[in-house]
Amino acid sequence: MAKLESSEIERRLAAMPGWELKDNAIVKLYRFENFPAAIDFVNRIAVIAESSDHHPDIGINYTRVTFTCSTHSAGGVTEKDFRLAGEIEAAFNARSGQSPPTRA
């Protein structure tokens, strides 16, 4: 899969609140009400990522979880990353009792 041009990445990020381009990847920080809720969400995303065979880098810091999406084989952001980011976003929005996301 081909790496997307910077202008295309920026255009698409404009429609994805909270996601940003950082170090050749798209990144977003999510906040949760407690540690178990954060881990539960990570586990749900793990199932999604495994089924699509495209895995984000995940940083967990207590109630904060950062997802970093990049296609390593392409050397940057591809369509796969935007698809996965959209699935992460949909899963987060489907949660009950969600906290507003914050920027990474």
N, C-alpha and C. Protein backbone atom coordinates (compact mmCIF):
# COMPACT_ATOMS: atom_id res chain seq x y z
N MET A 1 0.85 -1.18 0.00
CA MET A 1 0.00 0.00 0.00
C MET A 1 0.89 1.24 0.00
N ALA A 2 0.53 2.21 -0.82
CA ALA A 2 1.35 3.40 -0.98
C ALA A 2 1.18 4.39 0.18
N LYS A 3 2.29 5.00 0.53
CA LYS A 3 2.32 6.05 1.54
C LYS A 3 1.57 7.26 1.00
N LEU A 4 0.75 7.89 1.83
CA LEU A 4 -0.01 9.07 1.41
C LEU A 4 0.85 10.33 1.47
N GLU A 5 0.56 11.27 0.58
CA GLU A 5 1.26 12.56 0.57
C GLU A 5 0.83 13.37 1.80
N SER A 6 1.70 14.23 2.27
CA SER A 6 1.42 15.07 3.45
C SER A 6 0.14 15.87 3.29
N SER A 7 -0.08 16.44 2.10
CA SER A 7 -1.28 17.25 1.88
C SER A 7 -2.55 16.41 2.01
N GLU A 8 -2.51 15.17 1.55
CA GLU A 8 -3.67 14.27 1.67
C GLU A 8 -3.90 13.89 3.13
N ILE A 9 -2.83 13.64 3.85
CA ILE A 9 -2.95 13.31 5.28
C ILE A 9 -3.59 14.47 6.03
N GLU A 10 -3.08 15.68 5.81
CA GLU A 10 -3.62 16.86 6.50
C GLU A 10 -5.09 17.10 6.14
N ARG A 11 -5.43 16.90 4.87
CA ARG A 11 -6.83 17.08 4.44
C ARG A 11 -7.74 16.10 5.18
N ARG A 12 -7.31 14.87 5.28
CA ARG A 12 -8.13 13.85 5.93
C ARG A 12 -8.18 14.04 7.44
N LEU A 13 -7.10 14.49 8.03
CA LEU A 13 -7.09 14.74 9.47
C LEU A 13 -8.05 15.85 9.87
N ALA A 14 -8.30 16.77 8.98
CA ALA A 14 -9.22 17.87 9.27
C ALA A 14 -10.62 17.35 9.60
N ALA A 15 -10.96 16.17 9.13
CA ALA A 15 -12.27 15.57 9.39
C ALA A 15 -12.22 14.60 10.57
N MET A 16 -11.09 14.52 11.27
CA MET A 16 -10.92 13.57 12.37
C MET A 16 -10.45 14.31 13.62
N PRO A 17 -11.37 14.93 14.35
CA PRO A 17 -10.98 15.71 15.53
C PRO A 17 -10.10 14.92 16.51
N GLY A 18 -9.03 15.59 16.93
CA GLY A 18 -8.14 15.01 17.92
C GLY A 18 -6.99 14.22 17.34
N TRP A 19 -7.11 13.76 16.10
CA TRP A 19 -6.01 13.04 15.46
C TRP A 19 -5.05 14.05 14.87
N GLU A 20 -3.75 13.74 14.94
CA GLU A 20 -2.75 14.64 14.37
C GLU A 20 -1.60 13.84 13.76
N LEU A 21 -0.90 14.49 12.86
CA LEU A 21 0.28 13.90 12.25
C LEU A 21 1.47 14.18 13.15
N LYS A 22 2.18 13.11 13.50
CA LYS A 22 3.33 13.26 14.40
C LYS A 22 4.34 12.17 14.06
N ASP A 23 5.54 12.57 13.70
CA ASP A 23 6.62 11.61 13.42
C ASP A 23 6.21 10.53 12.43
N ASN A 24 5.65 10.93 11.29
CA ASN A 24 5.31 10.00 10.21
C ASN A 24 4.20 9.01 10.58
N ALA A 25 3.31 9.42 11.49
CA ALA A 25 2.20 8.59 11.93
C ALA A 25 1.02 9.48 12.29
N ILE A 26 -0.17 8.90 12.37
CA ILE A 26 -1.31 9.65 12.91
C ILE A 26 -1.54 9.15 14.33
N VAL A 27 -1.80 10.10 15.23
CA VAL A 27 -1.78 9.84 16.66
C VAL A 27 -2.98 10.50 17.34
N LYS A 28 -3.52 9.79 18.35
CA LYS A 28 -4.57 10.40 19.17
C LYS A 28 -4.50 9.84 20.59
N LEU A 29 -4.71 10.73 21.55
CA LEU A 29 -4.77 10.38 22.97
C LEU A 29 -6.22 10.32 23.40
N TYR A 30 -6.57 9.23 24.07
CA TYR A 30 -7.91 9.07 24.64
C TYR A 30 -7.79 9.00 26.16
N ARG A 31 -8.80 9.53 26.85
CA ARG A 31 -8.83 9.48 28.32
C ARG A 31 -10.03 8.64 28.76
N PHE A 32 -9.83 7.90 29.84
CA PHE A 32 -10.87 7.02 30.36
C PHE A 32 -11.09 7.31 31.83
N GLU A 33 -12.23 6.86 32.33
CA GLU A 33 -12.61 7.16 33.71
C GLU A 33 -11.74 6.42 34.73
N ASN A 34 -11.16 5.29 34.35
CA ASN A 34 -10.30 4.54 35.25
C ASN A 34 -9.43 3.57 34.45
N PHE A 35 -8.48 2.96 35.13
CA PHE A 35 -7.54 2.06 34.46
C PHE A 35 -8.23 0.85 33.82
N PRO A 36 -9.15 0.17 34.53
CA PRO A 36 -9.83 -0.97 33.89
C PRO A 36 -10.57 -0.58 32.60
N ALA A 37 -11.17 0.60 32.57
CA ALA A 37 -11.87 1.04 31.35
C ALA A 37 -10.88 1.25 30.21
N ALA A 38 -9.71 1.79 30.53
CA ALA A 38 -8.68 2.00 29.50
C ALA A 38 -8.22 0.66 28.94
N ILE A 39 -7.96 -0.30 29.81
CA ILE A 39 -7.49 -1.61 29.37
C ILE A 39 -8.58 -2.34 28.60
N ASP A 40 -9.82 -2.22 29.02
CA ASP A 40 -10.93 -2.84 28.29
C ASP A 40 -10.98 -2.30 26.86
N PHE A 41 -10.81 -1.00 26.72
CA PHE A 41 -10.83 -0.41 25.38
C PHE A 41 -9.65 -0.90 24.54
N VAL A 42 -8.48 -0.96 25.13
CA VAL A 42 -7.31 -1.47 24.41
C VAL A 42 -7.58 -2.90 23.93
N ASN A 43 -8.18 -3.71 24.78
CA ASN A 43 -8.49 -5.09 24.39
C ASN A 43 -9.48 -5.14 23.23
N ARG A 44 -10.46 -4.24 23.21
CA ARG A 44 -11.40 -4.20 22.09
C ARG A 44 -10.70 -3.80 20.80
N ILE A 45 -9.78 -2.86 20.89
CA ILE A 45 -9.05 -2.44 19.69
C ILE A 45 -8.10 -3.54 19.24
N ALA A 46 -7.56 -4.31 20.17
CA ALA A 46 -6.67 -5.42 19.80
C ALA A 46 -7.40 -6.42 18.91
N VAL A 47 -8.65 -6.70 19.20
CA VAL A 47 -9.44 -7.62 18.38
C VAL A 47 -9.66 -7.04 16.98
N ILE A 48 -9.98 -5.76 16.91
CA ILE A 48 -10.19 -5.09 15.62
C ILE A 48 -8.89 -5.11 14.81
N ALA A 49 -7.79 -4.77 15.45
CA ALA A 49 -6.50 -4.71 14.77
C ALA A 49 -6.07 -6.09 14.27
N GLU A 50 -6.28 -7.08 15.09
CA GLU A 50 -5.89 -8.43 14.70
C GLU A 50 -6.71 -8.92 13.51
N SER A 51 -8.01 -8.61 13.50
CA SER A 51 -8.85 -9.06 12.40
C SER A 51 -8.49 -8.38 11.08
N SER A 52 -7.94 -7.18 11.15
CA SER A 52 -7.54 -6.49 9.91
C SER A 52 -6.05 -6.66 9.61
N ASP A 53 -5.33 -7.35 10.50
CA ASP A 53 -3.89 -7.57 10.36
C ASP A 53 -3.14 -6.25 10.19
N HIS A 54 -3.57 -5.24 10.96
CA HIS A 54 -2.89 -3.94 10.98
C HIS A 54 -2.96 -3.43 12.41
N HIS A 55 -1.81 -3.28 13.04
CA HIS A 55 -1.74 -3.06 14.48
C HIS A 55 -1.15 -1.69 14.82
N PRO A 56 -1.84 -0.92 15.67
CA PRO A 56 -1.29 0.37 16.09
C PRO A 56 -0.25 0.17 17.18
N ASP A 57 0.60 1.16 17.35
CA ASP A 57 1.42 1.22 18.55
C ASP A 57 0.51 1.80 19.62
N ILE A 58 0.58 1.25 20.82
CA ILE A 58 -0.32 1.66 21.89
C ILE A 58 0.50 2.03 23.12
N GLY A 59 0.27 3.25 23.61
CA GLY A 59 0.90 3.70 24.85
C GLY A 59 -0.17 3.80 25.92
N ILE A 60 0.06 3.15 27.05
CA ILE A 60 -0.91 3.16 28.15
C ILE A 60 -0.26 3.84 29.35
N ASN A 61 -0.92 4.88 29.85
CA ASN A 61 -0.45 5.59 31.03
C ASN A 61 -1.65 5.82 31.93
N TYR A 62 -1.93 4.85 32.79
CA TYR A 62 -3.05 4.87 33.74
C TYR A 62 -4.38 5.03 33.01
N THR A 63 -4.95 6.22 32.96
CA THR A 63 -6.26 6.41 32.31
C THR A 63 -6.13 7.01 30.92
N ARG A 64 -4.91 7.14 30.44
CA ARG A 64 -4.66 7.72 29.12
C ARG A 64 -4.10 6.65 28.20
N VAL A 65 -4.68 6.56 27.01
CA VAL A 65 -4.21 5.61 26.00
C VAL A 65 -3.95 6.37 24.71
N THR A 66 -2.75 6.20 24.17
CA THR A 66 -2.39 6.84 22.92
C THR A 66 -2.24 5.78 21.84
N PHE A 67 -2.94 6.01 20.73
CA PHE A 67 -2.84 5.13 19.57
C PHE A 67 -2.02 5.84 18.50
N THR A 68 -1.04 5.14 17.96
CA THR A 68 -0.19 5.65 16.90
C THR A 68 -0.31 4.71 15.72
N CYS A 69 -0.79 5.23 14.60
CA CYS A 69 -1.02 4.41 13.41
C CYS A 69 -0.07 4.82 12.29
N SER A 70 0.70 3.84 11.83
CA SER A 70 1.63 4.04 10.73
C SER A 70 1.86 2.68 10.07
N THR A 71 2.05 2.68 8.78
CA THR A 71 2.33 1.44 8.07
C THR A 71 3.84 1.35 7.90
N HIS A 72 4.46 0.57 8.75
CA HIS A 72 5.92 0.51 8.78
C HIS A 72 6.51 0.06 7.44
N SER A 73 5.85 -0.88 6.78
CA SER A 73 6.37 -1.38 5.49
C SER A 73 6.35 -0.31 4.40
N ALA A 74 5.47 0.70 4.55
CA ALA A 74 5.38 1.78 3.57
C ALA A 74 6.20 3.00 4.00
N GLY A 75 6.65 3.00 5.24
CA GLY A 75 7.45 4.12 5.74
C GLY A 75 6.63 5.35 6.10
N GLY A 76 5.35 5.15 6.44
CA GLY A 76 4.52 6.29 6.83
C GLY A 76 3.05 5.94 6.84
N VAL A 77 2.23 6.95 6.66
CA VAL A 77 0.78 6.82 6.78
C VAL A 77 0.18 6.38 5.45
N THR A 78 -0.68 5.36 5.52
CA THR A 78 -1.38 4.86 4.34
C THR A 78 -2.89 4.83 4.61
N GLU A 79 -3.62 4.40 3.62
CA GLU A 79 -5.06 4.22 3.76
C GLU A 79 -5.40 3.29 4.92
N LYS A 80 -4.57 2.26 5.12
CA LYS A 80 -4.80 1.31 6.22
C LYS A 80 -4.87 2.03 7.57
N ASP A 81 -4.02 3.04 7.74
CA ASP A 81 -3.96 3.76 9.01
C ASP A 81 -5.23 4.58 9.24
N PHE A 82 -5.73 5.18 8.18
CA PHE A 82 -6.97 5.94 8.32
C PHE A 82 -8.16 5.01 8.58
N ARG A 83 -8.15 3.85 7.96
CA ARG A 83 -9.22 2.88 8.24
C ARG A 83 -9.19 2.46 9.70
N LEU A 84 -7.99 2.12 10.20
CA LEU A 84 -7.87 1.70 11.60
C LEU A 84 -8.23 2.84 12.54
N ALA A 85 -7.78 4.05 12.26
CA ALA A 85 -8.12 5.20 13.10
C ALA A 85 -9.64 5.40 13.13
N GLY A 86 -10.30 5.23 12.00
CA GLY A 86 -11.76 5.35 11.96
C GLY A 86 -12.43 4.29 12.81
N GLU A 87 -11.88 3.08 12.80
CA GLU A 87 -12.45 2.01 13.62
C GLU A 87 -12.22 2.27 15.11
N ILE A 88 -11.06 2.80 15.45
CA ILE A 88 -10.78 3.16 16.85
C ILE A 88 -11.77 4.23 17.30
N GLU A 89 -11.95 5.22 16.46
CA GLU A 89 -12.87 6.33 16.78
C GLU A 89 -14.31 5.82 16.95
N ALA A 90 -14.75 4.96 16.05
CA ALA A 90 -16.11 4.41 16.13
C ALA A 90 -16.29 3.59 17.40
N ALA A 91 -15.27 2.80 17.76
CA ALA A 91 -15.36 2.00 18.99
C ALA A 91 -15.41 2.90 20.22
N PHE A 92 -14.64 3.97 20.20
CA PHE A 92 -14.66 4.89 21.34
C PHE A 92 -16.02 5.58 21.45
N ASN A 93 -16.55 6.03 20.33
CA ASN A 93 -17.84 6.72 20.35
C ASN A 93 -18.99 5.80 20.71
N ALA A 94 -18.83 4.51 20.51
CA ALA A 94 -19.89 3.54 20.84
C ALA A 94 -19.92 3.22 22.33
N ARG A 95 -18.88 3.58 23.05
CA ARG A 95 -18.84 3.32 24.50
C ARG A 95 -19.90 4.14 25.21
N SER A 96 -20.45 3.59 26.29
CA SER A 96 -21.34 4.39 27.12
C SER A 96 -20.50 5.08 28.19
N GLY A 97 -20.90 6.26 28.59
CA GLY A 97 -20.18 7.00 29.61
C GLY A 97 -18.82 7.45 29.18
N GLN A 98 -18.67 7.81 27.92
CA GLN A 98 -17.35 8.21 27.41
C GLN A 98 -16.94 9.57 27.93
N SER A 99 -15.64 9.75 28.05
CA SER A 99 -15.06 11.05 28.36
C SER A 99 -14.62 11.68 27.05
N PRO A 100 -14.66 13.00 26.95
CA PRO A 100 -14.22 13.63 25.70
C PRO A 100 -12.76 13.33 25.43
N PRO A 101 -12.40 13.05 24.17
CA PRO A 101 -11.00 12.79 23.86
C PRO A 101 -10.20 14.09 23.93
N THR A 102 -8.89 13.95 24.07
CA THR A 102 -8.00 15.10 24.07
C THR A 102 -6.93 14.88 23.02
N ARG A 103 -6.26 15.95 22.67
CA ARG A 103 -5.18 15.85 21.66
C ARG A 103 -3.95 15.23 22.28
N ALA A 104 -3.20 14.53 21.45
CA ALA A 104 -1.94 13.89 21.91
C ALA A 104 -0.89 14.95 22.20
